[in-house]
Amino acid sequence: MPKLAVAIAQTNPIVGDLGGNRDVLIERAREAWDQGAQVLLTGELALSGYPIEDLALRDDFLVRSREVVAYLARQLEEEGLGDLVVLVGHPDGPFPPPTNQYNPAHPQQAKNCVSVLQHGAVQATYAKHHLPNYSVFDEFRTFLPGDSYLILRINNVDCGVVICEDLWRDKGPVHVMTNYPLGALLVPNASPFERDKDDVRLPLVTTRAAQMDCPVFYANLVGGQDDLVFDGDSVVVDAAGQVLSRFPVFDEALQIVTIDAPDSSGAQAPERTEIVQLSVPERDVTPPAPVVTPETDDVELIWRALVTGTRDYVEKNRFASVILGLSGGIDSSVCAAIAVDAIGPERVYGVSMPSQYSSEHSRTDADELAERLGIPYRVEPIAELVRPFDEQLKLTGLAAENVQARVRGVVLMSLSNLEGHLVLTTGNKSELAVGYSTIYGDSVGGYAPIKDVPKTLVWELARWRNAQAEAAGETAPIPSASIDKPPSAELRPDQTDQDSLPDYDVLDEILHLFIVEGLDHPQIVAKGFDAGVVAEVLILVDRAEWKRRQGAIGPRISSVAFGRDRRLPVTARKQSVRPD
C-alpha cells in the first residue's frame, strides 16, 4: 500500500505582502522537505493573506499575484525543493467578468485558488466553488466561482483538493468525490476564531472524513487581520474519526502526517474532474511524529485571541508602541494587560488623567496597575483643561460630564501625534451595545482590544489572567480593587454605571439574546426578564448604531460582533420594541 508524507504549514500572512508571504512559504517548504515531507499544504490565500477584500478587484494586484506564484515555483526548484509538491493558496486573475455582471464599474474578475507547484512550474490550479456571503464573509462580491474539480495522483495516491467553504457545503465538491477512492482530502482554509467554533469545526472535519472514507488534512491560517483573528488549530483526521495531528492555537507551526493509502491508479475520474499525475521520490528521512495538541480552556482561548489580534494589528501596521488611558477601572486594566502580553511592557504607555471627580482609589489603582505591569506611565490631570470649556460654554449636566471624556481623548491623541503611539480605546461590548460611552471622548482610538467582550466576560478574563500569573509564581497584573469595585465613569460625584444601566449580569444576558441569538422583545421576556428592562435595553441598542459606525475596530471573538456581522441602517425606524 503506497505511503505519502503530507505536511501542513500553519502560517500568519500579511494581507497584500506577496513577497514577504512568499519568503515564509519557501522557509516552510525547506523545513517540510528536510523533515521528510513529500507534500506541503498551506492555508487559504496563504500567499496574499485573507481576506483581500477589494484588492481582488485590482488588475495590478492579480497580475502580481500570478507572477509571484510562478516565481515561487521557480525559486523552490532553484533551492533544491523542486520534488516537493507544494499547494499554495492565492488569488488568480484577472478573468473576463461574467456577461451578467451587475456592477460594471467593479467587475468580479478574480478567483480564490490553490495552485500545485512542482519542478519549477504550476502543475494544476483549483478554484473555490462556494463563495460564502454571510457573517464576516463577502467573497461572492469579489470572486468568481470555480466549476471544475481536481484530484492529484501523487505516487498513485489520489488526493482530492477543495477550499474551505467547499468542505462545508453538503452538495458541493466533496459530494462529487464521495464515491471515489480517495487516499486523502487536502483542504486549505481561512476560518476565523469565534467562541465555541470548534464545537462545529472539528465535527465537520470528522464527518467529512467518514463520508469520504479517507483522511482529511485541514490547514488553517493563524494571526490577526484587522477585526478577524485566525486561530490555526489545523487538524488531520483519519477515516475512522481519529485525530492524527492537531496544531497549537494562535501559533505558526508545521507538522507531517504519513498515511497509508490505496493505489488509485485505475480509478476513473468523476465528471469535470482533472487528474494530475505527480511523482515524488521516496524519502529516506523519517518525519517526526505528529503531535495532538490538547484542547485549550475557553477563557484562555479568548485571552489569546485578544492578544493575537492586538499584537498583529500593532506589528503588521508597524506601530512602535501603544498608549491608553488608565482609569483604575477594570476595562482599562484588562486592555493594558492584553497589550503587555501582546507586545511587551516597554511598548505600552499608560496615562492617568484624573478629573475633579476622580476618587483617590482610582488614582492609586491606576498607579498600582502600571507598577505591576512595568509600563511607562505618566499622570496628566485634566481639571484645569476642562475648566475653560465649562466657563466659556457654561456647561451643565451631560454636556459637562462628556467634555471631561473628550478632553481625555484630546490628551491621548495629542500624545499619539507627538510620540507616535497607537491609541487603544478601552470600551467593552456591553457599553458599545447601549451607547454608554462618549463619542470623540473615551471612544477615541485606533484599536479596541475588548470591543467584542461583554462586561461580565471582562471580569472573568481579569480573574483568569491573575490566576495564571499567580500559578506561575508571578505578581498578578491587575489589582484586586480594580476587579472588585463598582464600575464608574467618574464624570460626576458618586457615579456608578448602574445609575444608568441594569446590572451587568442582566444586561449582558439580554444583549446576548438580542444581538447574538436574534430574539425579539417578546421572546426575551419569555426567558424571564422584566418587559420594561428589556424594552429599555433594546431601544438603547437601536439608538446607538450611529456611535458604533464611528468606533475603532477590534478583535472579533463572538459569532455576531458589531461591524461585519451586524449591519443595520443608522437612519431607520428599527422597531425592536413594537408600540402597544
Protein backbone atom coordinates (compact mmCIF):
# COMPACT_ATOMS: atom_id res chain seq x y z
CA MET A 1 0.00 0.00 0.00
CA PRO A 2 1.52 3.36 -1.00
CA LYS A 3 2.64 5.80 1.67
CA LEU A 4 2.55 9.56 1.45
CA ALA A 5 4.06 12.08 3.87
CA VAL A 6 1.94 15.25 3.90
CA ALA A 7 2.97 18.39 5.82
CA ILE A 8 0.71 21.25 6.85
CA ALA A 9 2.23 24.69 7.31
CA GLN A 10 0.15 26.90 9.58
CA THR A 11 1.29 30.43 8.65
CA ASN A 12 0.47 34.02 9.58
CA PRO A 13 0.42 36.01 6.33
CA ILE A 14 0.20 39.78 5.98
CA VAL A 15 -2.52 40.80 3.53
CA GLY A 16 -1.02 42.17 0.35
CA ASP A 17 2.58 41.29 1.22
CA LEU A 18 3.08 38.88 -1.66
CA GLY A 19 6.86 38.96 -1.44
CA GLY A 20 7.08 38.56 2.33
CA ASN A 21 4.49 35.79 2.42
CA ARG A 22 6.30 34.04 -0.46
CA ASP A 23 9.55 34.04 1.51
CA VAL A 24 7.79 32.50 4.52
CA LEU A 25 6.37 29.74 2.31
CA ILE A 26 9.83 28.97 0.95
CA GLU A 27 11.12 28.65 4.52
CA ARG A 28 8.25 26.31 5.43
CA ALA A 29 8.88 24.27 2.27
CA ARG A 30 12.54 23.86 3.26
CA GLU A 31 11.51 22.81 6.77
CA ALA A 32 8.96 20.32 5.44
CA TRP A 33 11.41 18.78 2.95
CA ASP A 34 14.19 18.49 5.49
CA GLN A 35 11.80 16.65 7.82
CA GLY A 36 10.80 14.12 5.20
CA ALA A 37 7.61 15.54 3.67
CA GLN A 38 6.58 14.80 0.10
CA VAL A 39 3.62 17.21 0.02
CA LEU A 40 3.18 20.63 1.66
CA LEU A 41 -0.32 22.05 2.21
CA THR A 42 -0.77 25.72 3.17
CA GLY A 43 -3.81 27.74 4.19
CA GLU A 44 -6.38 29.52 2.03
CA LEU A 45 -4.85 32.55 0.27
CA ALA A 46 -1.62 31.97 2.20
CA LEU A 47 0.29 33.91 -0.45
CA SER A 48 -1.87 37.04 -0.30
CA GLY A 49 -3.39 36.82 3.17
CA TYR A 50 -7.11 36.66 3.90
CA PRO A 51 -9.45 38.44 3.36
CA ILE A 52 -8.17 40.55 0.50
CA GLU A 53 -11.49 42.40 0.11
CA ASP A 54 -11.41 44.81 -2.84
CA LEU A 55 -7.80 44.03 -3.67
CA ALA A 56 -9.49 41.26 -5.66
CA LEU A 57 -10.88 43.96 -7.97
CA ARG A 58 -7.45 45.39 -8.85
CA ASP A 59 -5.87 44.14 -12.07
CA ASP A 60 -2.38 45.04 -10.94
CA PHE A 61 -2.67 43.04 -7.73
CA LEU A 62 -4.00 39.96 -9.52
CA VAL A 63 -1.28 40.11 -12.17
CA ARG A 64 1.37 40.48 -9.49
CA SER A 65 -0.09 37.54 -7.55
CA ARG A 66 0.09 35.30 -10.61
CA GLU A 67 3.67 36.40 -11.22
CA VAL A 68 4.68 35.65 -7.63
CA VAL A 69 3.14 32.15 -7.83
CA ALA A 70 5.26 31.43 -10.90
CA TYR A 71 8.33 32.92 -9.18
CA LEU A 72 7.68 30.80 -6.09
CA ALA A 73 7.62 27.65 -8.22
CA ARG A 74 10.93 28.55 -9.87
CA GLN A 75 12.54 29.53 -6.57
CA LEU A 76 11.59 26.23 -4.96
CA GLU A 77 13.26 24.43 -7.86
CA GLU A 78 16.40 26.59 -7.64
CA GLU A 79 16.70 25.89 -3.91
CA GLY A 80 16.60 22.13 -4.39
CA LEU A 81 12.97 21.76 -3.38
CA GLY A 82 11.57 21.03 -6.82
CA ASP A 83 10.47 17.47 -5.99
CA LEU A 84 8.24 18.67 -3.15
CA VAL A 85 4.57 19.07 -4.12
CA VAL A 86 3.50 22.46 -2.70
CA LEU A 87 -0.13 23.59 -2.56
CA VAL A 88 -0.30 27.37 -2.19
CA GLY A 89 -3.45 29.47 -1.86
CA HIS A 90 -3.63 32.70 -3.87
CA PRO A 91 -5.97 34.98 -5.83
CA ASP A 92 -5.81 34.39 -9.57
CA GLY A 93 -6.83 36.60 -12.45
CA PRO A 94 -7.86 38.81 -14.00
CA PHE A 95 -10.54 36.81 -15.74
CA PRO A 96 -13.23 38.20 -18.03
CA PRO A 97 -16.20 39.24 -15.91
CA PRO A 98 -19.44 37.34 -16.45
CA THR A 99 -21.85 38.70 -19.04
CA ASN A 100 -24.49 39.23 -16.36
CA GLN A 101 -22.18 41.39 -14.26
CA TYR A 102 -24.36 43.64 -12.12
CA ASN A 103 -21.66 46.22 -11.35
CA PRO A 104 -19.63 47.03 -14.45
CA ALA A 105 -17.68 49.67 -12.55
CA HIS A 106 -16.22 47.00 -10.25
CA PRO A 107 -16.37 43.72 -12.15
CA GLN A 108 -15.61 40.44 -10.42
CA GLN A 109 -12.51 39.16 -12.14
CA ALA A 110 -10.60 37.11 -9.57
CA LYS A 111 -10.83 33.52 -8.38
CA ASN A 112 -9.91 32.16 -4.96
CA CYS A 113 -7.45 29.46 -5.94
CA VAL A 114 -4.92 26.92 -4.79
CA SER A 115 -2.10 26.08 -7.19
CA VAL A 116 0.03 22.95 -7.18
CA LEU A 117 3.73 23.64 -7.63
CA GLN A 118 6.42 21.13 -8.55
CA HIS A 119 9.58 21.05 -10.67
CA GLY A 120 9.62 24.81 -11.11
CA ALA A 121 6.14 25.14 -12.59
CA VAL A 122 2.44 25.36 -11.80
CA GLN A 123 1.14 21.84 -12.41
CA ALA A 124 -2.54 22.50 -11.67
CA THR A 125 -4.90 25.10 -10.23
CA TYR A 126 -8.23 24.66 -8.46
CA ALA A 127 -10.72 27.49 -7.95
CA LYS A 128 -13.05 27.60 -4.95
CA HIS A 129 -16.64 26.74 -5.87
CA HIS A 130 -18.69 28.04 -2.97
CA LEU A 131 -18.12 31.68 -2.11
CA PRO A 132 -19.51 32.50 1.34
CA ASN A 133 -21.76 35.52 1.59
CA TYR A 134 -22.72 35.63 5.26
CA SER A 135 -21.39 36.84 8.60
CA VAL A 136 -17.89 38.29 8.04
CA PHE A 137 -17.58 36.79 4.56
CA ASP A 138 -18.36 38.61 1.33
CA GLU A 139 -16.44 36.53 -1.22
CA PHE A 140 -19.42 36.43 -3.55
CA ARG A 141 -18.89 40.16 -4.04
CA THR A 142 -15.26 39.87 -5.12
CA PHE A 143 -14.62 36.40 -6.57
CA LEU A 144 -15.82 34.29 -9.45
CA PRO A 145 -16.71 30.67 -8.60
CA GLY A 146 -14.84 27.67 -9.92
CA ASP A 147 -16.65 24.98 -11.90
CA SER A 148 -14.24 22.04 -12.15
CA TYR A 149 -12.69 19.55 -9.74
CA LEU A 150 -9.12 18.48 -9.05
CA ILE A 151 -7.50 15.23 -7.95
CA LEU A 152 -3.74 14.95 -7.52
CA ARG A 153 -2.42 11.45 -8.20
CA ILE A 154 0.80 11.53 -6.18
CA ASN A 155 2.74 8.26 -6.34
CA ASN A 156 -0.58 6.58 -7.22
CA VAL A 157 -2.30 8.06 -4.15
CA ASP A 158 -5.27 10.17 -5.19
CA CYS A 159 -5.68 13.37 -3.16
CA GLY A 160 -8.78 15.49 -3.65
CA VAL A 161 -8.44 19.26 -3.31
CA VAL A 162 -11.17 21.64 -2.07
CA ILE A 163 -11.05 25.06 -0.40
CA CYS A 164 -12.69 25.95 2.94
CA GLU A 165 -16.40 26.60 2.20
CA ASP A 166 -16.35 23.74 -0.31
CA LEU A 167 -15.92 21.43 2.68
CA TRP A 168 -18.95 22.86 4.49
CA ARG A 169 -21.47 22.51 1.67
CA ASP A 170 -23.27 19.17 1.61
CA LYS A 171 -23.86 19.27 -2.14
CA GLY A 172 -20.51 20.74 -3.08
CA PRO A 173 -17.28 19.30 -4.46
CA VAL A 174 -16.99 16.86 -1.55
CA HIS A 175 -20.28 15.27 -2.62
CA VAL A 176 -18.93 14.79 -6.14
CA MET A 177 -15.96 12.82 -4.79
CA THR A 178 -17.84 10.86 -2.13
CA ASN A 179 -17.86 7.57 -4.03
CA TYR A 180 -14.35 7.98 -5.43
CA PRO A 181 -11.49 6.02 -3.73
CA LEU A 182 -9.51 8.99 -2.44
CA GLY A 183 -6.40 8.45 -0.40
CA ALA A 184 -6.73 11.88 1.24
CA LEU A 185 -8.64 15.15 1.04
CA LEU A 186 -6.48 18.30 1.17
CA VAL A 187 -8.30 21.42 2.38
CA PRO A 188 -6.75 24.92 2.66
CA ASN A 189 -8.82 27.14 4.99
CA ALA A 190 -9.16 30.66 6.34
CA SER A 191 -11.51 30.03 9.25
CA PRO A 192 -11.54 32.89 11.78
CA PHE A 193 -11.83 32.33 15.50
CA GLU A 194 -15.03 32.73 17.40
CA ARG A 195 -16.04 31.41 20.79
CA ASP A 196 -17.12 27.75 20.66
CA LYS A 197 -16.37 27.45 16.93
CA ASP A 198 -14.53 24.20 17.50
CA ASP A 199 -17.84 22.70 18.54
CA VAL A 200 -18.77 22.74 14.85
CA ARG A 201 -15.40 22.85 13.05
CA LEU A 202 -13.87 19.58 14.30
CA PRO A 203 -17.12 17.60 13.99
CA LEU A 204 -17.39 18.82 10.40
CA VAL A 205 -13.90 17.52 9.58
CA THR A 206 -14.54 14.14 11.20
CA THR A 207 -17.91 13.84 9.44
CA ARG A 208 -16.35 14.54 6.05
CA ALA A 209 -13.56 12.06 6.72
CA ALA A 210 -16.14 9.36 7.43
CA GLN A 211 -18.17 10.28 4.34
CA MET A 212 -15.11 10.22 2.11
CA ASP A 213 -13.60 7.18 3.86
CA CYS A 214 -10.20 8.84 3.84
CA PRO A 215 -8.04 11.17 5.94
CA VAL A 216 -8.80 14.89 5.82
CA PHE A 217 -5.94 17.38 6.03
CA TYR A 218 -7.42 20.66 7.28
CA ALA A 219 -4.92 23.55 7.06
CA ASN A 220 -5.95 26.85 8.66
CA LEU A 221 -4.32 30.26 8.82
CA VAL A 222 -3.23 31.89 12.07
CA GLY A 223 -2.93 35.51 13.18
CA GLY A 224 -4.82 38.78 13.30
CA GLN A 225 -6.16 40.68 10.29
CA ASP A 226 -7.97 43.87 11.26
CA ASP A 227 -11.02 42.67 13.21
CA LEU A 228 -10.58 38.98 12.38
CA VAL A 229 -8.35 36.59 14.31
CA PHE A 230 -7.38 33.23 12.86
CA ASP A 231 -6.65 30.62 15.49
CA GLY A 232 -4.90 27.97 13.41
CA ASP A 233 -5.95 24.73 15.09
CA SER A 234 -5.19 22.82 11.88
CA VAL A 235 -6.02 19.15 12.12
CA VAL A 236 -5.58 15.79 10.40
CA VAL A 237 -8.33 13.23 10.95
CA ASP A 238 -8.41 9.67 9.62
CA ALA A 239 -11.43 7.92 8.12
CA ALA A 240 -12.40 6.47 11.50
CA GLY A 241 -12.56 9.93 13.07
CA GLN A 242 -9.30 9.61 14.99
CA VAL A 243 -7.33 12.83 15.30
CA LEU A 244 -3.83 12.12 13.98
CA SER A 245 -2.49 15.64 14.33
CA ARG A 246 -3.78 18.80 15.95
CA PHE A 247 -1.88 22.04 15.75
CA PRO A 248 -1.40 24.62 18.50
CA VAL A 249 -3.78 27.57 18.55
CA PHE A 250 -2.58 31.08 17.67
CA ASP A 251 0.95 29.94 16.78
CA GLU A 252 2.67 29.22 13.49
CA ALA A 253 3.61 25.56 13.19
CA LEU A 254 4.41 22.70 10.83
CA GLN A 255 3.60 19.02 11.23
CA ILE A 256 3.83 15.96 8.98
CA VAL A 257 1.44 13.01 8.88
CA THR A 258 2.30 9.89 6.87
CA ILE A 259 -0.67 7.97 5.53
CA ASP A 260 -1.12 4.51 4.04
CA ALA A 261 -3.49 4.79 1.12
CA PRO A 262 -4.95 2.53 -1.56
CA ASP A 263 -3.44 2.50 -5.05
CA SER A 264 -5.79 4.63 -7.12
CA SER A 265 -4.05 4.26 -10.47
CA GLY A 266 -7.01 2.54 -12.15
CA ALA A 267 -9.81 4.74 -10.82
CA GLN A 268 -11.98 6.76 -13.20
CA ALA A 269 -12.36 10.45 -12.54
CA PRO A 270 -15.75 11.95 -11.71
CA GLU A 271 -17.30 14.26 -14.28
CA ARG A 272 -15.50 17.63 -14.80
CA THR A 273 -12.54 16.38 -12.74
CA GLU A 274 -8.92 16.74 -13.77
CA ILE A 275 -6.50 14.08 -12.51
CA VAL A 276 -2.92 15.38 -12.43
CA GLN A 277 -0.16 12.76 -12.28
CA LEU A 278 2.71 13.69 -9.95
CA SER A 279 5.68 11.71 -8.73
CA VAL A 280 7.75 12.37 -5.60
CA PRO A 281 10.92 10.39 -4.80
CA GLU A 282 10.80 8.07 -1.83
CA ARG A 283 12.35 9.78 1.16
CA ASP A 284 14.96 8.23 3.44
CA VAL A 285 14.08 10.75 6.17
CA THR A 286 11.65 9.66 8.88
CA PRO A 287 9.36 12.59 9.73
CA PRO A 288 8.92 13.49 13.38
CA ALA A 289 5.80 12.07 14.96
CA PRO A 290 2.80 14.40 14.69
CA VAL A 291 1.50 15.99 17.88
CA VAL A 292 -2.08 16.19 19.07
CA THR A 293 -2.18 19.46 20.99
CA PRO A 294 -4.55 19.30 23.98
CA GLU A 295 -7.67 21.41 23.88
CA THR A 296 -7.35 24.86 25.41
CA ASP A 297 -9.62 26.28 28.12
CA ASP A 298 -12.35 28.56 26.77
CA VAL A 299 -11.27 31.68 28.68
CA GLU A 300 -7.63 31.13 27.72
CA LEU A 301 -8.66 30.85 24.06
CA ILE A 302 -10.42 34.19 24.27
CA TRP A 303 -7.48 35.85 26.01
CA ARG A 304 -5.06 34.53 23.39
CA ALA A 305 -7.37 35.67 20.59
CA LEU A 306 -7.39 39.21 22.03
CA VAL A 307 -3.62 39.17 22.49
CA THR A 308 -3.03 37.84 18.97
CA GLY A 309 -5.39 40.35 17.38
CA THR A 310 -3.80 43.26 19.25
CA ARG A 311 -0.23 42.10 18.57
CA ASP A 312 -0.74 41.60 14.85
CA TYR A 313 -2.61 44.87 14.39
CA VAL A 314 0.29 46.72 16.02
CA GLU A 315 3.05 44.76 14.31
CA LYS A 316 1.56 44.44 10.82
CA ASN A 317 0.75 48.16 10.76
CA ARG A 318 4.26 48.94 12.07
CA PHE A 319 3.37 50.87 15.19
CA ALA A 320 6.28 51.22 17.57
CA SER A 321 4.09 51.44 20.68
CA VAL A 322 0.58 51.89 22.07
CA ILE A 323 -0.89 54.33 24.57
CA LEU A 324 -4.08 54.15 26.61
CA GLY A 325 -5.80 55.93 29.44
CA LEU A 326 -5.69 54.19 32.82
CA SER A 327 -8.67 54.99 35.00
CA GLY A 328 -8.05 52.38 37.66
CA GLY A 329 -11.14 50.53 36.40
CA ILE A 330 -11.49 47.01 35.07
CA ASP A 331 -11.70 47.79 31.33
CA SER A 332 -8.53 49.83 31.02
CA SER A 333 -6.72 47.40 33.32
CA VAL A 334 -7.60 44.40 31.14
CA CYS A 335 -6.72 46.29 27.95
CA ALA A 336 -3.33 47.24 29.38
CA ALA A 337 -2.64 43.64 30.39
CA ILE A 338 -3.62 42.40 26.91
CA ALA A 339 -1.29 44.95 25.33
CA VAL A 340 1.60 43.95 27.58
CA ASP A 341 1.13 40.28 26.73
CA ALA A 342 0.93 41.23 23.05
CA ILE A 343 3.96 43.49 22.57
CA GLY A 344 5.81 43.74 25.88
CA PRO A 345 5.64 46.30 28.73
CA GLU A 346 8.26 48.67 27.33
CA ARG A 347 5.99 49.45 24.33
CA VAL A 348 2.80 50.09 26.32
CA TYR A 349 2.33 53.64 27.65
CA GLY A 350 -0.23 54.36 30.33
CA VAL A 351 -1.71 57.76 31.13
CA SER A 352 -3.74 58.61 34.21
CA MET A 353 -5.97 61.63 33.59
CA PRO A 354 -7.72 62.40 36.88
CA SER A 355 -10.51 64.96 36.99
CA GLN A 356 -12.05 66.75 39.92
CA TYR A 357 -14.41 63.75 40.33
CA SER A 358 -11.75 61.04 40.23
CA SER A 359 -11.60 59.15 43.52
CA GLU A 360 -8.36 58.62 45.36
CA HIS A 361 -8.63 54.85 44.96
CA SER A 362 -9.00 55.20 41.18
CA ARG A 363 -5.75 57.14 41.05
CA THR A 364 -3.90 54.71 43.26
CA ASP A 365 -5.34 51.69 41.40
CA ALA A 366 -4.03 53.12 38.11
CA ASP A 367 -0.64 53.73 39.73
CA GLU A 368 -0.55 50.18 41.05
CA LEU A 369 -1.56 48.67 37.70
CA ALA A 370 1.26 50.50 35.90
CA GLU A 371 3.75 49.33 38.53
CA ARG A 372 2.57 45.71 38.34
CA LEU A 373 2.76 45.70 34.55
CA GLY A 374 6.08 47.56 34.45
CA ILE A 375 4.92 50.00 31.79
CA PRO A 376 5.95 53.64 31.16
CA TYR A 377 3.42 55.78 32.98
CA ARG A 378 2.52 59.42 33.47
CA VAL A 379 -0.18 61.47 35.18
CA GLU A 380 -1.85 64.28 33.23
CA PRO A 381 -4.57 65.97 35.35
CA ILE A 382 -7.41 67.37 33.26
CA ALA A 383 -9.31 69.60 35.69
CA GLU A 384 -7.58 72.78 34.51
CA LEU A 385 -8.01 71.75 30.86
CA VAL A 386 -11.73 71.20 31.36
CA ARG A 387 -12.35 74.44 33.26
CA PRO A 388 -12.20 76.83 30.22
CA PHE A 389 -14.85 74.75 28.42
CA ASP A 390 -17.14 74.80 31.44
CA GLU A 391 -16.72 78.52 31.96
CA GLN A 392 -16.94 79.70 28.37
CA LEU A 393 -19.79 77.40 27.31
CA LYS A 394 -21.50 77.31 30.74
CA LEU A 395 -21.75 73.52 30.56
CA THR A 396 -24.06 71.59 32.84
CA GLY A 397 -25.43 68.07 33.12
CA LEU A 398 -24.44 65.56 30.44
CA ALA A 399 -22.52 68.16 28.45
CA ALA A 400 -20.33 68.89 31.48
CA GLU A 401 -19.76 65.17 32.03
CA ASN A 402 -18.87 64.44 28.43
CA VAL A 403 -16.41 67.27 28.00
CA GLN A 404 -14.18 65.54 30.55
CA ALA A 405 -14.09 62.39 28.46
CA ARG A 406 -13.45 64.43 25.32
CA VAL A 407 -10.56 66.28 26.92
CA ARG A 408 -9.06 62.89 27.83
CA GLY A 409 -9.40 61.90 24.18
CA VAL A 410 -7.60 65.09 23.14
CA VAL A 411 -4.76 64.35 25.56
CA LEU A 412 -4.30 60.81 24.26
CA MET A 413 -4.46 61.81 20.60
CA SER A 414 -2.02 64.67 21.24
CA LEU A 415 0.47 62.31 22.81
CA SER A 416 -0.12 59.93 19.92
CA ASN A 417 0.71 62.66 17.41
CA LEU A 418 3.69 63.83 19.45
CA GLU A 419 5.27 60.46 20.18
CA GLY A 420 3.88 58.11 17.51
CA HIS A 421 1.81 55.76 19.69
CA LEU A 422 -1.30 53.89 18.57
CA VAL A 423 -4.16 54.85 20.88
CA LEU A 424 -6.07 51.92 22.35
CA THR A 425 -9.67 52.59 23.27
CA THR A 426 -10.93 50.56 26.20
CA GLY A 427 -14.70 50.22 25.72
CA ASN A 428 -16.34 46.80 26.01
CA LYS A 429 -19.18 45.23 24.02
CA SER A 430 -21.83 45.96 26.64
CA GLU A 431 -21.04 49.69 26.57
CA LEU A 432 -20.80 49.68 22.80
CA ALA A 433 -24.16 47.96 22.52
CA VAL A 434 -26.12 50.50 24.55
CA GLY A 435 -24.08 53.58 23.66
CA TYR A 436 -22.70 54.00 27.18
CA SER A 437 -19.65 55.96 26.09
CA THR A 438 -18.72 59.45 25.00
CA ILE A 439 -18.16 59.65 21.28
CA TYR A 440 -14.95 61.54 20.46
CA GLY A 441 -14.06 61.03 24.12
CA ASP A 442 -13.44 57.68 25.78
CA SER A 443 -14.26 56.03 22.43
CA VAL A 444 -11.26 57.73 20.77
CA GLY A 445 -8.62 55.33 19.50
CA GLY A 446 -7.27 53.32 16.62
CA TYR A 447 -7.88 49.85 18.04
CA ALA A 448 -10.30 48.45 20.61
CA PRO A 449 -8.95 45.24 22.24
CA ILE A 450 -12.18 44.36 24.12
CA LYS A 451 -14.71 45.70 21.62
CA ASP A 452 -16.40 42.29 21.34
CA VAL A 453 -16.08 41.35 25.03
CA PRO A 454 -19.16 41.75 27.27
CA LYS A 455 -18.56 43.38 30.64
CA THR A 456 -19.12 40.19 32.62
CA LEU A 457 -16.53 38.42 30.48
CA VAL A 458 -14.07 41.29 31.09
CA TRP A 459 -14.18 40.46 34.80
CA GLU A 460 -13.79 36.76 34.05
CA LEU A 461 -10.75 37.42 31.88
CA ALA A 462 -9.16 39.58 34.59
CA ARG A 463 -9.56 36.87 37.21
CA TRP A 464 -8.21 34.24 34.81
CA ARG A 465 -5.14 36.33 33.92
CA ASN A 466 -4.38 36.97 37.57
CA ALA A 467 -4.75 33.27 38.40
CA GLN A 468 -2.35 32.37 35.56
CA ALA A 469 0.24 34.77 36.92
CA GLU A 470 -0.10 33.52 40.47
CA ALA A 471 0.15 29.89 39.33
CA ALA A 472 3.44 30.78 37.63
CA GLY A 473 4.77 32.45 40.78
CA GLU A 474 4.37 35.93 39.31
CA THR A 475 2.63 39.07 40.53
CA ALA A 476 -0.97 39.25 39.40
CA PRO A 477 -1.09 42.07 36.82
CA ILE A 478 -4.50 43.52 37.72
CA PRO A 479 -5.12 44.98 41.20
CA SER A 480 -7.94 43.23 43.03
CA ALA A 481 -9.54 46.60 43.78
CA SER A 482 -9.96 47.23 40.04
CA ILE A 483 -11.85 43.94 39.76
CA ASP A 484 -13.98 44.23 42.88
CA LYS A 485 -15.14 47.86 42.93
CA PRO A 486 -18.38 49.00 41.24
CA PRO A 487 -17.66 50.26 37.73
CA SER A 488 -17.93 54.01 37.23
CA ALA A 489 -17.13 56.62 34.59
CA GLU A 490 -16.49 59.11 37.44
CA LEU A 491 -17.81 62.06 35.49
CA ARG A 492 -19.93 63.28 38.41
CA PRO A 493 -19.89 62.75 42.18
CA ASP A 494 -20.55 59.17 43.36
CA GLN A 495 -21.46 57.99 39.85
CA THR A 496 -21.75 54.25 39.03
CA ASP A 497 -22.66 52.50 35.77
CA GLN A 498 -25.79 51.07 37.39
CA ASP A 499 -27.20 54.56 37.79
CA SER A 500 -27.92 54.35 34.06
CA LEU A 501 -27.89 50.64 33.24
CA PRO A 502 -29.27 47.36 34.59
CA ASP A 503 -26.89 45.12 36.49
CA TYR A 504 -24.35 43.79 34.02
CA ASP A 505 -25.36 40.16 34.68
CA VAL A 506 -28.84 41.03 33.44
CA LEU A 507 -27.73 43.43 30.73
CA ASP A 508 -25.26 41.04 29.14
CA GLU A 509 -27.75 38.19 29.00
CA ILE A 510 -30.35 40.40 27.34
CA LEU A 511 -27.75 41.68 24.87
CA HIS A 512 -26.67 38.14 24.03
CA LEU A 513 -30.23 37.03 23.37
CA PHE A 514 -30.93 40.09 21.21
CA ILE A 515 -27.66 40.53 19.31
CA VAL A 516 -26.20 37.02 19.06
CA GLU A 517 -29.28 34.80 19.16
CA GLY A 518 -31.51 37.26 17.34
CA LEU A 519 -34.51 37.02 19.71
CA ASP A 520 -37.11 39.79 19.77
CA HIS A 521 -38.68 41.57 22.74
CA PRO A 522 -41.46 39.01 23.49
CA GLN A 523 -39.04 36.10 23.14
CA ILE A 524 -36.55 37.67 25.56
CA VAL A 525 -39.30 38.50 28.05
CA ALA A 526 -40.43 34.86 27.82
CA LYS A 527 -36.98 33.90 29.12
CA GLY A 528 -37.91 35.51 32.44
CA PHE A 529 -36.70 39.10 32.04
CA ASP A 530 -38.68 42.18 33.01
CA ALA A 531 -40.51 43.57 29.97
CA GLY A 532 -39.68 47.18 30.82
CA VAL A 533 -35.99 46.47 31.30
CA VAL A 534 -35.83 44.55 28.03
CA ALA A 535 -37.58 47.37 26.19
CA GLU A 536 -35.18 49.92 27.63
CA VAL A 537 -32.12 47.89 26.60
CA LEU A 538 -33.33 47.21 23.05
CA ILE A 539 -34.17 50.87 22.49
CA LEU A 540 -30.69 51.85 23.67
CA VAL A 541 -29.10 49.34 21.28
CA ASP A 542 -31.03 50.69 18.32
CA ARG A 543 -30.27 54.32 19.19
CA ALA A 544 -26.52 53.69 19.45
CA GLU A 545 -25.98 52.44 15.90
CA TRP A 546 -24.59 55.80 14.80
CA LYS A 547 -21.96 55.67 17.52
CA ARG A 548 -20.90 52.14 16.63
CA ARG A 549 -20.41 53.10 12.99
CA GLN A 550 -17.70 55.51 14.06
CA GLY A 551 -15.90 53.26 16.50
CA ALA A 552 -12.47 51.68 16.21
CA ILE A 553 -12.09 48.12 15.02
CA GLY A 554 -11.18 45.37 17.44
CA PRO A 555 -10.78 41.59 17.55
CA ARG A 556 -13.90 39.56 16.87
CA ILE A 557 -14.49 36.71 19.33
CA SER A 558 -18.24 36.09 19.05
CA SER A 559 -20.44 34.78 16.27
CA VAL A 560 -22.08 38.20 15.98
CA ALA A 561 -19.75 41.12 16.53
CA PHE A 562 -20.56 44.74 15.77
CA GLY A 563 -19.26 45.61 12.32
CA ARG A 564 -19.12 42.96 9.61
CA ASP A 565 -21.59 40.62 11.34
CA ARG A 566 -24.35 43.11 12.14
CA ARG A 567 -25.11 45.82 9.62
CA LEU A 568 -28.14 47.98 10.35
CA PRO A 569 -29.05 51.33 8.84
CA VAL A 570 -28.42 54.33 11.06
CA THR A 571 -31.42 56.19 9.71
CA ALA A 572 -34.31 53.81 10.29
CA ARG A 573 -37.35 53.04 12.42
CA LYS A 574 -35.93 49.80 13.72
CA GLN A 575 -38.93 48.90 15.91
CA SER A 576 -37.15 46.36 18.07
CA VAL A 577 -39.84 47.21 20.60
CA ARG A 578 -43.25 47.46 18.94
CA PRO A 579 -45.72 50.03 20.25
CA ASP A 580 -48.77 48.60 22.01
